[in-house]
């Protein structure tokens, strides 16, 4: 299982979800992706959309004014 990072600070919705989805498509099942998202719409939208795609959100934790979201690819 490999771990990848994606910094989406300052990236607006829905572009941040599109970039997350494209990165997840590059990974293999079981790989994890840690995404850095801004507060507000990004943190409320991206984890929900990722779950809707069938992936697993393992952790959401505050990181200053942003959030780290750990996602496992389905």
PDB file of N, CA and C in Angstrom:
ATOM      1  N   UNK A   1       0.858  -1.186   0.000  1.00  0.00           N
ATOM      2  CA  UNK A   1       0.000   0.000   0.000  1.00  0.00           C
ATOM      3  C   UNK A   1       0.891   1.232   0.000  1.00  0.00           C
ATOM      4  N   UNK A   2       0.664   2.105  -0.941  1.00  0.00           N
ATOM      5  CA  UNK A   2       1.448   3.338  -1.056  1.00  0.00           C
ATOM      6  C   UNK A   2       0.635   4.515  -0.525  1.00  0.00           C
ATOM      7  N   UNK A   3       1.358   5.565  -0.094  1.00  0.00           N
ATOM      8  CA  UNK A   3       0.704   6.761   0.428  1.00  0.00           C
ATOM      9  C   UNK A   3       1.093   7.950  -0.441  1.00  0.00           C
ATOM     10  N   UNK A   4       0.124   8.758  -0.823  1.00  0.00           N
ATOM     11  CA  UNK A   4       0.340   9.924  -1.667  1.00  0.00           C
ATOM     12  C   UNK A   4      -0.241  11.158  -0.995  1.00  0.00           C
ATOM     13  N   UNK A   5       0.269  12.335  -1.381  1.00  0.00           N
ATOM     14  CA  UNK A   5      -0.205  13.598  -0.825  1.00  0.00           C
ATOM     15  C   UNK A   5      -0.660  14.523  -1.947  1.00  0.00           C
ATOM     16  N   UNK A   6      -1.647  15.359  -1.637  1.00  0.00           N
ATOM     17  CA  UNK A   6      -2.169  16.324  -2.602  1.00  0.00           C
ATOM     18  C   UNK A   6      -2.558  17.585  -1.844  1.00  0.00           C
ATOM     19  N   UNK A   7      -1.864  18.691  -2.118  1.00  0.00           N
ATOM     20  CA  UNK A   7      -2.138  19.964  -1.452  1.00  0.00           C
ATOM     21  C   UNK A   7      -3.087  20.780  -2.326  1.00  0.00           C
ATOM     22  N   UNK A   8      -4.319  20.954  -1.848  1.00  0.00           N
ATOM     23  CA  UNK A   8      -5.318  21.708  -2.608  1.00  0.00           C
ATOM     24  C   UNK A   8      -5.691  23.004  -1.887  1.00  0.00           C
ATOM     25  N   UNK A   9      -4.735  23.579  -1.187  1.00  0.00           N
ATOM     26  CA  UNK A   9      -4.948  24.864  -0.503  1.00  0.00           C
ATOM     27  C   UNK A   9      -5.311  25.924  -1.534  1.00  0.00           C
ATOM     28  N   UNK A  10      -6.380  26.657  -1.266  1.00  0.00           N
ATOM     29  CA  UNK A  10      -6.773  27.745  -2.154  1.00  0.00           C
ATOM     30  C   UNK A  10      -7.455  27.317  -3.432  1.00  0.00           C
ATOM     31  N   UNK A  11      -7.662  26.006  -3.615  1.00  0.00           N
ATOM     32  CA  UNK A  11      -8.325  25.516  -4.826  1.00  0.00           C
ATOM     33  C   UNK A  11      -9.830  25.486  -4.569  1.00  0.00           C
ATOM     34  N   UNK A  12     -10.623  26.191  -5.402  1.00  0.00           N
ATOM     35  CA  UNK A  12     -12.076  26.277  -5.167  1.00  0.00           C
ATOM     36  C   UNK A  12     -12.824  25.004  -5.584  1.00  0.00           C
ATOM     37  N   UNK A  13     -14.042  24.873  -5.075  1.00  0.00           N
ATOM     38  CA  UNK A  13     -14.955  23.807  -5.511  1.00  0.00           C
ATOM     39  C   UNK A  13     -15.490  24.178  -6.884  1.00  0.00           C
ATOM     40  N   UNK A  14     -15.725  23.265  -7.769  1.00  0.00           N
ATOM     41  CA  UNK A  14     -15.541  21.824  -7.645  1.00  0.00           C
ATOM     42  C   UNK A  14     -14.177  21.353  -8.140  1.00  0.00           C
ATOM     43  N   UNK A  15     -13.278  22.279  -8.443  1.00  0.00           N
ATOM     44  CA  UNK A  15     -11.953  21.911  -8.977  1.00  0.00           C
ATOM     45  C   UNK A  15     -11.198  21.009  -8.001  1.00  0.00           C
ATOM     46  N   UNK A  16     -11.325  21.269  -6.688  1.00  0.00           N
ATOM     47  CA  UNK A  16     -10.602  20.453  -5.724  1.00  0.00           C
ATOM     48  C   UNK A  16     -11.082  18.996  -5.739  1.00  0.00           C
ATOM     49  N   UNK A  17     -12.387  18.788  -5.941  1.00  0.00           N
ATOM     50  CA  UNK A  17     -12.869  17.407  -6.048  1.00  0.00           C
ATOM     51  C   UNK A  17     -12.376  16.763  -7.336  1.00  0.00           C
ATOM     52  N   UNK A  18     -12.407  17.502  -8.434  1.00  0.00           N
ATOM     53  CA  UNK A  18     -11.946  16.965  -9.721  1.00  0.00           C
ATOM     54  C   UNK A  18     -10.478  16.531  -9.604  1.00  0.00           C
ATOM     55  N   UNK A  19      -9.650  17.374  -8.997  1.00  0.00           N
ATOM     56  CA  UNK A  19      -8.230  17.027  -8.839  1.00  0.00           C
ATOM     57  C   UNK A  19      -8.049  15.823  -7.920  1.00  0.00           C
ATOM     58  N   UNK A  20      -8.859  15.742  -6.859  1.00  0.00           N
ATOM     59  CA  UNK A  20      -8.803  14.591  -5.955  1.00  0.00           C
ATOM     60  C   UNK A  20      -9.193  13.325  -6.710  1.00  0.00           C
ATOM     61  N   UNK A  21     -10.278  13.396  -7.468  1.00  0.00           N
ATOM     62  CA  UNK A  21     -10.765  12.234  -8.221  1.00  0.00           C
ATOM     63  C   UNK A  21      -9.724  11.763  -9.241  1.00  0.00           C
ATOM     64  N   UNK A  22      -9.122  12.707  -9.972  1.00  0.00           N
ATOM     65  CA  UNK A  22      -8.101  12.344 -10.969  1.00  0.00           C
ATOM     66  C   UNK A  22      -6.899  11.681 -10.309  1.00  0.00           C
ATOM     67  N   UNK A  23      -6.478  12.192  -9.156  1.00  0.00           N
ATOM     68  CA  UNK A  23      -5.344  11.595  -8.449  1.00  0.00           C
ATOM     69  C   UNK A  23      -5.700  10.195  -7.961  1.00  0.00           C
ATOM     70  N   UNK A  24      -6.898  10.011  -7.428  1.00  0.00           N
ATOM     71  CA  UNK A  24      -7.319   8.688  -6.967  1.00  0.00           C
ATOM     72  C   UNK A  24      -7.344   7.680  -8.115  1.00  0.00           C
ATOM     73  N   UNK A  25      -7.704   8.133  -9.308  1.00  0.00           N
ATOM     74  CA  UNK A  25      -7.741   7.235 -10.472  1.00  0.00           C
ATOM     75  C   UNK A  25      -6.356   6.716 -10.835  1.00  0.00           C
ATOM     76  N   UNK A  26      -5.304   7.455 -10.459  1.00  0.00           N
ATOM     77  CA  UNK A  26      -3.929   7.021 -10.739  1.00  0.00           C
ATOM     78  C   UNK A  26      -3.447   5.951  -9.763  1.00  0.00           C
ATOM     79  N   UNK A  27      -4.117   5.837  -8.616  1.00  0.00           N
ATOM     80  CA  UNK A  27      -3.674   4.938  -7.557  1.00  0.00           C
ATOM     81  C   UNK A  27      -4.251   3.541  -7.733  1.00  0.00           C
ATOM     82  N   UNK A  28      -3.708   2.608  -6.966  1.00  0.00           N
ATOM     83  CA  UNK A  28      -4.207   1.236  -6.960  1.00  0.00           C
ATOM     84  C   UNK A  28      -5.106   1.043  -5.755  1.00  0.00           C
ATOM     85  N   UNK A  29      -5.989   0.081  -5.825  1.00  0.00           N
ATOM     86  CA  UNK A  29      -6.890  -0.208  -4.719  1.00  0.00           C
ATOM     87  C   UNK A  29      -6.094  -0.428  -3.431  1.00  0.00           C
ATOM     88  N   UNK A  30      -6.521   0.237  -2.359  1.00  0.00           N
ATOM     89  CA  UNK A  30      -5.834   0.112  -1.076  1.00  0.00           C
ATOM     90  C   UNK A  30      -4.811   1.210  -0.813  1.00  0.00           C
ATOM     91  N   UNK A  31      -4.379   1.923  -1.855  1.00  0.00           N
ATOM     92  CA  UNK A  31      -3.462   3.051  -1.665  1.00  0.00           C
ATOM     93  C   UNK A  31      -4.193   4.162  -0.924  1.00  0.00           C
ATOM     94  N   UNK A  32      -3.433   5.005  -0.214  1.00  0.00           N
ATOM     95  CA  UNK A  32      -4.056   6.121   0.476  1.00  0.00           C
ATOM     96  C   UNK A  32      -3.575   7.447  -0.104  1.00  0.00           C
ATOM     97  N   UNK A  33      -4.459   8.417  -0.027  1.00  0.00           N
ATOM     98  CA  UNK A  33      -4.185   9.766  -0.506  1.00  0.00           C
ATOM     99  C   UNK A  33      -4.540  10.728   0.611  1.00  0.00           C
ATOM    100  N   UNK A  34      -3.574  11.550   1.024  1.00  0.00           N
ATOM    101  CA  UNK A  34      -3.845  12.577   2.028  1.00  0.00           C
ATOM    102  C   UNK A  34      -3.999  13.905   1.303  1.00  0.00           C
ATOM    103  N   UNK A  35      -5.175  14.507   1.454  1.00  0.00           N
ATOM    104  CA  UNK A  35      -5.506  15.744   0.756  1.00  0.00           C
ATOM    105  C   UNK A  35      -5.612  16.876   1.773  1.00  0.00           C
ATOM    106  N   UNK A  36      -4.993  18.010   1.458  1.00  0.00           N
ATOM    107  CA  UNK A  36      -5.092  19.200   2.299  1.00  0.00           C
ATOM    108  C   UNK A  36      -6.147  20.109   1.687  1.00  0.00           C
ATOM    109  N   UNK A  37      -7.222  20.375   2.452  1.00  0.00           N
ATOM    110  CA  UNK A  37      -8.351  21.163   1.954  1.00  0.00           C
ATOM    111  C   UNK A  37      -8.612  22.368   2.845  1.00  0.00           C
ATOM    112  N   UNK A  38      -9.162  23.413   2.246  1.00  0.00           N
ATOM    113  CA  UNK A  38      -9.550  24.601   3.002  1.00  0.00           C
ATOM    114  C   UNK A  38     -10.839  24.328   3.773  1.00  0.00           C
ATOM    115  N   UNK A  39     -11.078  25.148   4.802  1.00  0.00           N
ATOM    116  CA  UNK A  39     -12.315  25.086   5.574  1.00  0.00           C
ATOM    117  C   UNK A  39     -13.471  25.578   4.695  1.00  0.00           C
ATOM    118  N   UNK A  40     -14.692  25.311   5.109  1.00  0.00           N
ATOM    119  CA  UNK A  40     -15.855  25.784   4.368  1.00  0.00           C
ATOM    120  C   UNK A  40     -16.340  24.753   3.366  1.00  0.00           C
ATOM    121  N   UNK A  41     -16.673  25.222   2.176  1.00  0.00           N
ATOM    122  CA  UNK A  41     -17.236  24.338   1.151  1.00  0.00           C
ATOM    123  C   UNK A  41     -16.319  23.165   0.803  1.00  0.00           C
ATOM    124  N   UNK A  42     -14.986  23.372   0.644  1.00  0.00           N
ATOM    125  CA  UNK A  42     -14.138  22.231   0.294  1.00  0.00           C
ATOM    126  C   UNK A  42     -14.223  21.075   1.296  1.00  0.00           C
ATOM    127  N   UNK A  43     -14.159  21.372   2.591  1.00  0.00           N
ATOM    128  CA  UNK A  43     -14.160  20.279   3.574  1.00  0.00           C
ATOM    129  C   UNK A  43     -15.551  19.664   3.728  1.00  0.00           C
ATOM    130  N   UNK A  44     -16.584  20.406   3.396  1.00  0.00           N
ATOM    131  CA  UNK A  44     -17.922  19.807   3.487  1.00  0.00           C
ATOM    132  C   UNK A  44     -18.273  19.032   2.221  1.00  0.00           C
ATOM    133  N   UNK A  45     -17.702  19.399   1.085  1.00  0.00           N
ATOM    134  CA  UNK A  45     -18.068  18.764  -0.187  1.00  0.00           C
ATOM    135  C   UNK A  45     -17.179  17.589  -0.593  1.00  0.00           C
ATOM    136  N   UNK A  46     -15.868  17.770  -0.513  1.00  0.00           N
ATOM    137  CA  UNK A  46     -14.951  16.760  -1.064  1.00  0.00           C
ATOM    138  C   UNK A  46     -15.063  15.403  -0.360  1.00  0.00           C
ATOM    139  N   UNK A  47     -15.013  15.330   0.989  1.00  0.00           N
ATOM    140  CA  UNK A  47     -15.136  13.999   1.608  1.00  0.00           C
ATOM    141  C   UNK A  47     -16.446  13.290   1.247  1.00  0.00           C
ATOM    142  N   UNK A  48     -17.542  14.022   1.200  1.00  0.00           N
ATOM    143  CA  UNK A  48     -18.836  13.429   0.839  1.00  0.00           C
ATOM    144  C   UNK A  48     -18.795  12.895  -0.598  1.00  0.00           C
ATOM    145  N   UNK A  49     -18.247  13.687  -1.516  1.00  0.00           N
ATOM    146  CA  UNK A  49     -18.186  13.277  -2.924  1.00  0.00           C
ATOM    147  C   UNK A  49     -17.278  12.061  -3.108  1.00  0.00           C
ATOM    148  N   UNK A  50     -16.196  12.012  -2.337  1.00  0.00           N
ATOM    149  CA  UNK A  50     -15.266  10.876  -2.410  1.00  0.00           C
ATOM    150  C   UNK A  50     -15.973   9.597  -1.948  1.00  0.00           C
ATOM    151  N   UNK A  51     -16.751   9.703  -0.872  1.00  0.00           N
ATOM    152  CA  UNK A  51     -17.514   8.547  -0.380  1.00  0.00           C
ATOM    153  C   UNK A  51     -18.533   8.105  -1.430  1.00  0.00           C
ATOM    154  N   UNK A  52     -19.178   9.089  -2.091  1.00  0.00           N
ATOM    155  CA  UNK A  52     -20.154   8.769  -3.136  1.00  0.00           C
ATOM    156  C   UNK A  52     -19.515   8.005  -4.286  1.00  0.00           C
ATOM    157  N   UNK A  53     -18.209   8.218  -4.496  1.00  0.00           N
ATOM    158  CA  UNK A  53     -17.473   7.517  -5.558  1.00  0.00           C
ATOM    159  C   UNK A  53     -17.075   6.101  -5.121  1.00  0.00           C
ATOM    160  N   UNK A  54     -17.317   5.782  -3.828  1.00  0.00           N
ATOM    161  CA  UNK A  54     -17.016   4.436  -3.339  1.00  0.00           C
ATOM    162  C   UNK A  54     -15.711   4.311  -2.575  1.00  0.00           C
ATOM    163  N   UNK A  55     -14.987   5.418  -2.418  1.00  0.00           N
ATOM    164  CA  UNK A  55     -13.732   5.383  -1.670  1.00  0.00           C
ATOM    165  C   UNK A  55     -14.028   5.519  -0.177  1.00  0.00           C
ATOM    166  N   UNK A  56     -13.023   5.259   0.656  1.00  0.00           N
ATOM    167  CA  UNK A  56     -13.204   5.305   2.103  1.00  0.00           C
ATOM    168  C   UNK A  56     -12.445   6.494   2.686  1.00  0.00           C
ATOM    169  N   UNK A  57     -13.134   7.345   3.433  1.00  0.00           N
ATOM    170  CA  UNK A  57     -12.490   8.449   4.139  1.00  0.00           C
ATOM    171  C   UNK A  57     -12.072   7.902   5.500  1.00  0.00           C
ATOM    172  N   UNK A  58     -10.754   7.770   5.703  1.00  0.00           N
ATOM    173  CA  UNK A  58     -10.234   7.166   6.918  1.00  0.00           C
ATOM    174  C   UNK A  58     -10.115   8.163   8.064  1.00  0.00           C
ATOM    175  N   UNK A  59      -9.805   9.422   7.719  1.00  0.00           N
ATOM    176  CA  UNK A  59      -9.563  10.397   8.776  1.00  0.00           C
ATOM    177  C   UNK A  59      -9.736  11.806   8.230  1.00  0.00           C
ATOM    178  N   UNK A  60     -10.304  12.685   9.061  1.00  0.00           N
ATOM    179  CA  UNK A  60     -10.387  14.109   8.768  1.00  0.00           C
ATOM    180  C   UNK A  60      -9.888  14.816  10.016  1.00  0.00           C
ATOM    181  N   UNK A  61      -8.781  15.558   9.896  1.00  0.00           N
ATOM    182  CA  UNK A  61      -8.272  16.256  11.071  1.00  0.00           C
ATOM    183  C   UNK A  61      -7.883  17.687  10.732  1.00  0.00           C
ATOM    184  N   UNK A  62      -8.165  18.611  11.676  1.00  0.00           N
ATOM    185  CA  UNK A  62      -7.816  20.015  11.465  1.00  0.00           C
ATOM    186  C   UNK A  62      -6.306  20.194  11.383  1.00  0.00           C
ATOM    187  N   UNK A  63      -5.882  21.090  10.508  1.00  0.00           N
ATOM    188  CA  UNK A  63      -4.462  21.425  10.328  1.00  0.00           C
ATOM    189  C   UNK A  63      -4.423  22.944  10.173  1.00  0.00           C
ATOM    190  N   UNK A  64      -4.401  23.657  11.301  1.00  0.00           N
ATOM    191  CA  UNK A  64      -4.475  25.111  11.252  1.00  0.00           C
ATOM    192  C   UNK A  64      -5.848  25.534  10.752  1.00  0.00           C
ATOM    193  N   UNK A  65      -5.879  26.329   9.681  1.00  0.00           N
ATOM    194  CA  UNK A  65      -7.157  26.777   9.101  1.00  0.00           C
ATOM    195  C   UNK A  65      -7.625  25.836   7.991  1.00  0.00           C
ATOM    196  N   UNK A  66      -6.957  24.704   7.867  1.00  0.00           N
ATOM    197  CA  UNK A  66      -7.302  23.737   6.831  1.00  0.00           C
ATOM    198  C   UNK A  66      -7.550  22.372   7.455  1.00  0.00           C
ATOM    199  N   UNK A  67      -7.783  21.395   6.599  1.00  0.00           N
ATOM    200  CA  UNK A  67      -8.026  20.030   7.064  1.00  0.00           C
ATOM    201  C   UNK A  67      -7.222  19.047   6.236  1.00  0.00           C
ATOM    202  N   UNK A  68      -6.715  18.017   6.917  1.00  0.00           N
ATOM    203  CA  UNK A  68      -6.091  16.887   6.233  1.00  0.00           C
ATOM    204  C   UNK A  68      -7.129  15.787   6.158  1.00  0.00           C
ATOM    205  N   UNK A  69      -7.350  15.272   4.959  1.00  0.00           N
ATOM    206  CA  UNK A  69      -8.319  14.207   4.748  1.00  0.00           C
ATOM    207  C   UNK A  69      -7.561  13.010   4.190  1.00  0.00           C
ATOM    208  N   UNK A  70      -7.648  11.892   4.902  1.00  0.00           N
ATOM    209  CA  UNK A  70      -6.978  10.662   4.463  1.00  0.00           C
ATOM    210  C   UNK A  70      -8.013   9.763   3.790  1.00  0.00           C
ATOM    211  N   UNK A  71      -7.746   9.446   2.525  1.00  0.00           N
ATOM    212  CA  UNK A  71      -8.690   8.679   1.705  1.00  0.00           C
ATOM    213  C   UNK A  71      -8.027   7.378   1.265  1.00  0.00           C
ATOM    214  N   UNK A  72      -8.766   6.279   1.358  1.00  0.00           N
ATOM    215  CA  UNK A  72      -8.287   4.992   0.825  1.00  0.00           C
ATOM    216  C   UNK A  72      -9.019   4.709  -0.465  1.00  0.00           C
ATOM    217  N   UNK A  73      -8.235   4.422  -1.522  1.00  0.00           N
ATOM    218  CA  UNK A  73      -8.856   4.148  -2.827  1.00  0.00           C
ATOM    219  C   UNK A  73      -9.558   2.806  -2.772  1.00  0.00           C
ATOM    220  N   UNK A  74     -10.747   2.755  -3.382  1.00  0.00           N
ATOM    221  CA  UNK A  74     -11.528   1.499  -3.387  1.00  0.00           C
ATOM    222  C   UNK A  74     -10.860   0.445  -4.237  1.00  0.00           C
TER     223      UNK A  74
END
